[in-house]
């Protein structure tokens, strides 16, 4: 019995060491290298194959300085207004979401851009506590090893934006017939409006709800680009020029 326990312990110990080595090594590698494929991209391709559909995977990596600052501002205004200041987790937003969810059937999330990036690059879709635990771990890693510029760059290059369309450049050319660097505020707000559910909502054929969300994001962008406490747009431009 003790022999079996020792073997199990040795296996667990070696597996743990391997996991930490591979995960930390991957985060260090992707601090510099483009992300070639994400778990979600692979899952979507498998789903297309199972449904006997044409496999679509349109993506093109571009550096952050080739992505319009309008889009960088739009996603922060819509997804994570404390992005620059937090260390991966917005505890005030989490507290607000928990209080809201106590009295509403439709649940509200509080994931930051950093958490979404960690999930998109390293994990699978889902809401289990195990996956959430891994998300916390990888969020801590990327916030420690990457900087905010890299997190934003990766996020905007791997986001799902439609059927087989991933990343800002593929989104810009597919739906707006222009490069990512030329996206206007209106374009950027529409992309950000679709982000919460790019399968349900469409940038090509926006619904009335999507348009209303786009208008709200545009208003937030004007506030943040004006007299709000932090001029994120200016900060992102500075970051891009470093």
Protein backbone atom coordinates (compact mmCIF):
# COMPACT_ATOMS: atom_id res chain seq x y z
CA UNK A 1 0.00 0.00 0.00
CA UNK A 2 2.79 2.41 0.95
CA UNK A 3 4.56 1.57 -2.32
CA UNK A 4 1.45 2.54 -4.32
CA UNK A 5 1.08 5.77 -2.34
CA UNK A 6 4.71 6.64 -2.99
CA UNK A 7 4.27 6.04 -6.72
CA UNK A 8 1.12 8.19 -6.76
CA UNK A 9 2.87 10.95 -4.84
CA UNK A 10 5.87 10.80 -7.18
CA UNK A 11 3.56 11.01 -10.20
CA UNK A 12 1.67 13.99 -8.74
CA UNK A 13 4.91 15.75 -7.81
CA UNK A 14 6.45 15.26 -11.27
CA UNK A 15 3.21 16.31 -13.01
CA UNK A 16 3.05 19.47 -10.90
CA UNK A 17 6.65 20.38 -11.69
CA UNK A 18 6.03 19.78 -15.41
CA UNK A 19 2.87 21.89 -15.35
CA UNK A 20 4.63 24.85 -13.73
CA UNK A 21 7.62 24.54 -16.05
CA UNK A 22 5.49 24.36 -19.21
CA UNK A 23 3.05 27.08 -18.15
CA UNK A 24 5.72 29.57 -17.06
CA UNK A 25 7.84 28.75 -20.12
CA UNK A 26 4.83 29.32 -22.41
CA UNK A 27 4.05 32.68 -20.84
CA UNK A 28 7.67 33.76 -21.23
CA UNK A 29 7.72 32.59 -24.86
CA UNK A 30 4.48 34.41 -25.71
CA UNK A 31 5.82 37.58 -24.14
CA UNK A 32 7.65 37.94 -27.45
CA UNK A 33 6.26 35.45 -29.99
CA UNK A 34 2.87 35.73 -31.75
CA UNK A 35 0.20 33.28 -30.61
CA UNK A 36 -0.10 30.69 -33.43
CA UNK A 37 -3.35 29.06 -32.28
CA UNK A 38 -5.64 29.16 -29.26
CA UNK A 39 -7.73 26.36 -27.70
CA UNK A 40 -10.92 28.16 -28.78
CA UNK A 41 -9.76 28.35 -32.42
CA UNK A 42 -9.06 24.61 -32.36
CA UNK A 43 -12.41 23.83 -30.73
CA UNK A 44 -14.28 25.90 -33.32
CA UNK A 45 -12.50 24.08 -36.16
CA UNK A 46 -13.46 20.71 -34.63
CA UNK A 47 -17.07 21.88 -34.27
CA UNK A 48 -17.13 22.93 -37.93
CA UNK A 49 -15.74 19.55 -38.94
CA UNK A 50 -18.32 17.67 -36.85
CA UNK A 51 -21.11 19.75 -38.41
CA UNK A 52 -19.73 18.98 -41.91
CA UNK A 53 -19.06 22.66 -42.50
CA UNK A 54 -16.14 24.29 -44.26
CA UNK A 55 -13.32 24.86 -41.79
CA UNK A 56 -12.83 28.61 -41.43
CA UNK A 57 -9.90 30.13 -39.60
CA UNK A 58 -9.14 33.69 -40.61
CA UNK A 59 -6.51 35.45 -38.51
CA UNK A 60 -3.53 37.72 -39.06
CA UNK A 61 -1.20 38.86 -36.31
CA UNK A 62 -0.33 42.56 -36.27
CA UNK A 63 1.70 44.51 -33.70
CA UNK A 64 -0.10 46.94 -31.42
CA UNK A 65 1.21 49.98 -33.27
CA UNK A 66 -0.72 48.76 -36.32
CA UNK A 67 -3.99 48.61 -34.41
CA UNK A 68 -6.00 51.82 -34.16
CA UNK A 69 -5.85 53.48 -30.73
CA UNK A 70 -9.61 53.92 -31.21
CA UNK A 71 -10.09 50.17 -30.77
CA UNK A 72 -7.76 50.00 -27.80
CA UNK A 73 -9.80 52.73 -26.14
CA UNK A 74 -13.12 51.15 -27.12
CA UNK A 75 -12.39 47.74 -25.58
CA UNK A 76 -11.18 49.32 -22.35
CA UNK A 77 -14.29 51.51 -22.13
CA UNK A 78 -16.58 48.54 -22.76
CA UNK A 79 -14.75 45.65 -21.10
CA UNK A 80 -12.41 46.92 -18.39
CA UNK A 81 -12.25 50.60 -17.49
CA UNK A 82 -9.69 49.96 -14.75
CA UNK A 83 -7.33 48.04 -17.08
CA UNK A 84 -4.30 50.30 -16.65
CA UNK A 85 -4.56 50.44 -12.86
CA UNK A 86 -5.38 46.92 -11.68
CA UNK A 87 -3.03 43.94 -11.40
CA UNK A 88 -5.23 41.55 -13.31
CA UNK A 89 -8.32 41.55 -11.09
CA UNK A 90 -10.82 44.36 -10.51
CA UNK A 91 -12.10 43.54 -7.02
CA UNK A 92 -14.53 46.46 -6.97
CA UNK A 93 -16.12 45.20 -10.19
CA UNK A 94 -16.25 41.66 -8.76
CA UNK A 95 -18.01 42.95 -5.65
CA UNK A 96 -20.55 44.89 -7.75
CA UNK A 97 -21.20 41.84 -9.92
CA UNK A 98 -21.76 39.59 -6.90
CA UNK A 99 -24.28 42.03 -5.41
CA UNK A 100 -26.06 42.39 -8.76
CA UNK A 101 -26.22 38.64 -9.34
CA UNK A 102 -27.89 38.07 -5.97
CA UNK A 103 -31.10 39.69 -7.25
CA UNK A 104 -31.00 39.07 -11.00
CA UNK A 105 -31.45 35.94 -13.08
CA UNK A 106 -29.20 37.23 -15.84
CA UNK A 107 -25.71 37.00 -14.39
CA UNK A 108 -23.17 39.79 -14.76
CA UNK A 109 -19.47 39.03 -15.12
CA UNK A 110 -16.46 40.99 -13.91
CA UNK A 111 -13.60 39.54 -15.95
CA UNK A 112 -10.84 41.97 -16.80
CA UNK A 113 -9.07 42.16 -20.15
CA UNK A 114 -6.15 40.39 -18.47
CA UNK A 115 -8.40 37.51 -17.37
CA UNK A 116 -9.99 37.26 -20.80
CA UNK A 117 -6.55 37.19 -22.42
CA UNK A 118 -5.36 34.43 -20.08
CA UNK A 119 -8.51 32.42 -20.82
CA UNK A 120 -8.36 32.94 -24.59
CA UNK A 121 -4.69 32.02 -24.96
CA UNK A 122 -4.19 29.20 -22.47
CA UNK A 123 -7.58 27.70 -21.57
CA UNK A 124 -10.81 26.25 -22.87
CA UNK A 125 -14.29 27.87 -22.76
CA UNK A 126 -16.38 27.08 -19.72
CA UNK A 127 -17.50 28.20 -16.28
CA UNK A 128 -16.25 25.44 -13.97
CA UNK A 129 -14.37 26.30 -10.81
CA UNK A 130 -11.38 24.28 -12.05
CA UNK A 131 -11.13 26.38 -15.22
CA UNK A 132 -11.62 29.54 -13.17
CA UNK A 133 -8.76 28.48 -10.91
CA UNK A 134 -6.45 28.03 -13.91
CA UNK A 135 -7.62 31.42 -15.21
CA UNK A 136 -6.56 33.09 -11.95
CA UNK A 137 -3.17 31.38 -12.17
CA UNK A 138 -2.50 32.38 -15.79
CA UNK A 139 -3.77 35.91 -15.19
CA UNK A 140 -1.25 36.27 -12.38
CA UNK A 141 1.50 34.97 -14.68
CA UNK A 142 0.81 37.31 -17.59
CA UNK A 143 0.42 40.31 -15.30
CA UNK A 144 3.80 39.43 -13.76
CA UNK A 145 5.74 38.55 -16.93
CA UNK A 146 4.04 40.70 -19.59
CA UNK A 147 3.22 44.40 -19.51
CA UNK A 148 -0.10 46.07 -20.24
CA UNK A 149 0.94 46.82 -23.82
CA UNK A 150 1.60 43.13 -24.50
CA UNK A 151 -1.63 42.04 -22.82
CA UNK A 152 -3.61 44.44 -25.00
CA UNK A 153 -1.69 43.35 -28.12
CA UNK A 154 -2.38 39.66 -27.51
CA UNK A 155 -6.01 40.29 -26.55
CA UNK A 156 -6.73 42.19 -29.75
CA UNK A 157 -5.02 39.56 -31.89
CA UNK A 158 -6.86 36.48 -30.58
CA UNK A 159 -10.41 37.67 -29.82
CA UNK A 160 -13.21 35.82 -31.58
CA UNK A 161 -15.28 38.15 -33.76
CA UNK A 162 -17.45 35.87 -35.88
CA UNK A 163 -17.61 32.56 -37.70
CA UNK A 164 -13.94 31.67 -38.10
CA UNK A 165 -12.76 35.27 -37.69
CA UNK A 166 -10.20 36.03 -34.99
CA UNK A 167 -8.22 39.12 -34.14
CA UNK A 168 -8.47 42.77 -35.07
CA UNK A 169 -6.85 42.65 -38.50
CA UNK A 170 -9.10 39.83 -39.76
CA UNK A 171 -12.11 41.62 -38.28
CA UNK A 172 -11.20 44.93 -39.91
CA UNK A 173 -10.64 43.43 -43.37
CA UNK A 174 -13.66 41.09 -43.19
CA UNK A 175 -16.28 43.51 -41.91
CA UNK A 176 -14.94 47.01 -42.62
CA UNK A 177 -12.72 46.42 -45.67
CA UNK A 178 -9.78 48.28 -44.18
CA UNK A 179 -6.69 47.59 -42.07
CA UNK A 180 -6.88 47.57 -38.28
CA UNK A 181 -4.83 50.76 -38.05
CA UNK A 182 -7.53 52.65 -39.97
CA UNK A 183 -10.51 51.76 -37.79
CA UNK A 184 -12.57 54.80 -36.82
CA UNK A 185 -14.18 55.41 -33.44
CA UNK A 186 -17.50 54.23 -34.86
CA UNK A 187 -15.90 51.02 -36.21
CA UNK A 188 -14.11 50.41 -32.93
CA UNK A 189 -17.23 50.91 -30.83
CA UNK A 190 -19.14 48.44 -33.01
CA UNK A 191 -16.41 45.80 -32.63
CA UNK A 192 -16.37 46.31 -28.86
CA UNK A 193 -20.17 46.05 -28.77
CA UNK A 194 -20.04 42.60 -30.38
CA UNK A 195 -17.22 41.22 -28.19
CA UNK A 196 -19.34 39.82 -25.33
CA UNK A 197 -20.98 37.32 -27.70
CA UNK A 198 -19.59 37.35 -31.27
CA UNK A 199 -21.60 34.25 -32.19
CA UNK A 200 -24.92 35.86 -31.23
CA UNK A 201 -24.12 39.42 -32.34
CA UNK A 202 -22.62 40.54 -35.63
CA UNK A 203 -20.51 43.51 -36.69
CA UNK A 204 -21.60 42.89 -40.30
CA UNK A 205 -25.32 42.97 -39.47
CA UNK A 206 -25.68 44.77 -36.14
CA UNK A 207 -28.98 44.48 -34.32
CA UNK A 208 -30.75 47.36 -32.58
CA UNK A 209 -29.29 46.14 -29.29
CA UNK A 210 -25.78 46.14 -30.76
CA UNK A 211 -26.30 49.67 -32.10
CA UNK A 212 -27.46 50.90 -28.70
CA UNK A 213 -24.43 49.34 -27.05
CA UNK A 214 -22.21 50.91 -29.73
CA UNK A 215 -23.69 54.34 -28.91
CA UNK A 216 -23.00 53.82 -25.19
CA UNK A 217 -19.38 52.83 -25.90
CA UNK A 218 -18.89 55.87 -28.14
CA UNK A 219 -20.09 58.09 -25.32
CA UNK A 220 -17.68 56.43 -22.90
CA UNK A 221 -14.84 56.92 -25.38
CA UNK A 222 -15.58 60.64 -25.58
CA UNK A 223 -15.53 60.89 -21.80
CA UNK A 224 -12.29 58.94 -21.46
CA UNK A 225 -10.69 60.89 -24.30
CA UNK A 226 -11.71 64.14 -22.70
CA UNK A 227 -11.81 65.17 -19.07
CA UNK A 228 -12.04 61.85 -17.28
CA UNK A 229 -9.47 61.15 -14.58
CA UNK A 230 -7.22 59.13 -16.91
CA UNK A 231 -6.56 59.79 -20.58
CA UNK A 232 -6.16 56.19 -21.70
CA UNK A 233 -6.08 57.01 -25.39
CA UNK A 234 -3.05 59.25 -24.91
CA UNK A 235 -1.40 56.62 -22.71
CA UNK A 236 -1.88 53.89 -25.30
CA UNK A 237 -0.38 56.10 -28.00
CA UNK A 238 2.66 56.64 -25.76
CA UNK A 239 2.92 52.89 -25.17
CA UNK A 240 2.72 52.16 -28.90
CA UNK A 241 5.58 54.55 -29.63
CA UNK A 242 7.95 53.01 -27.09
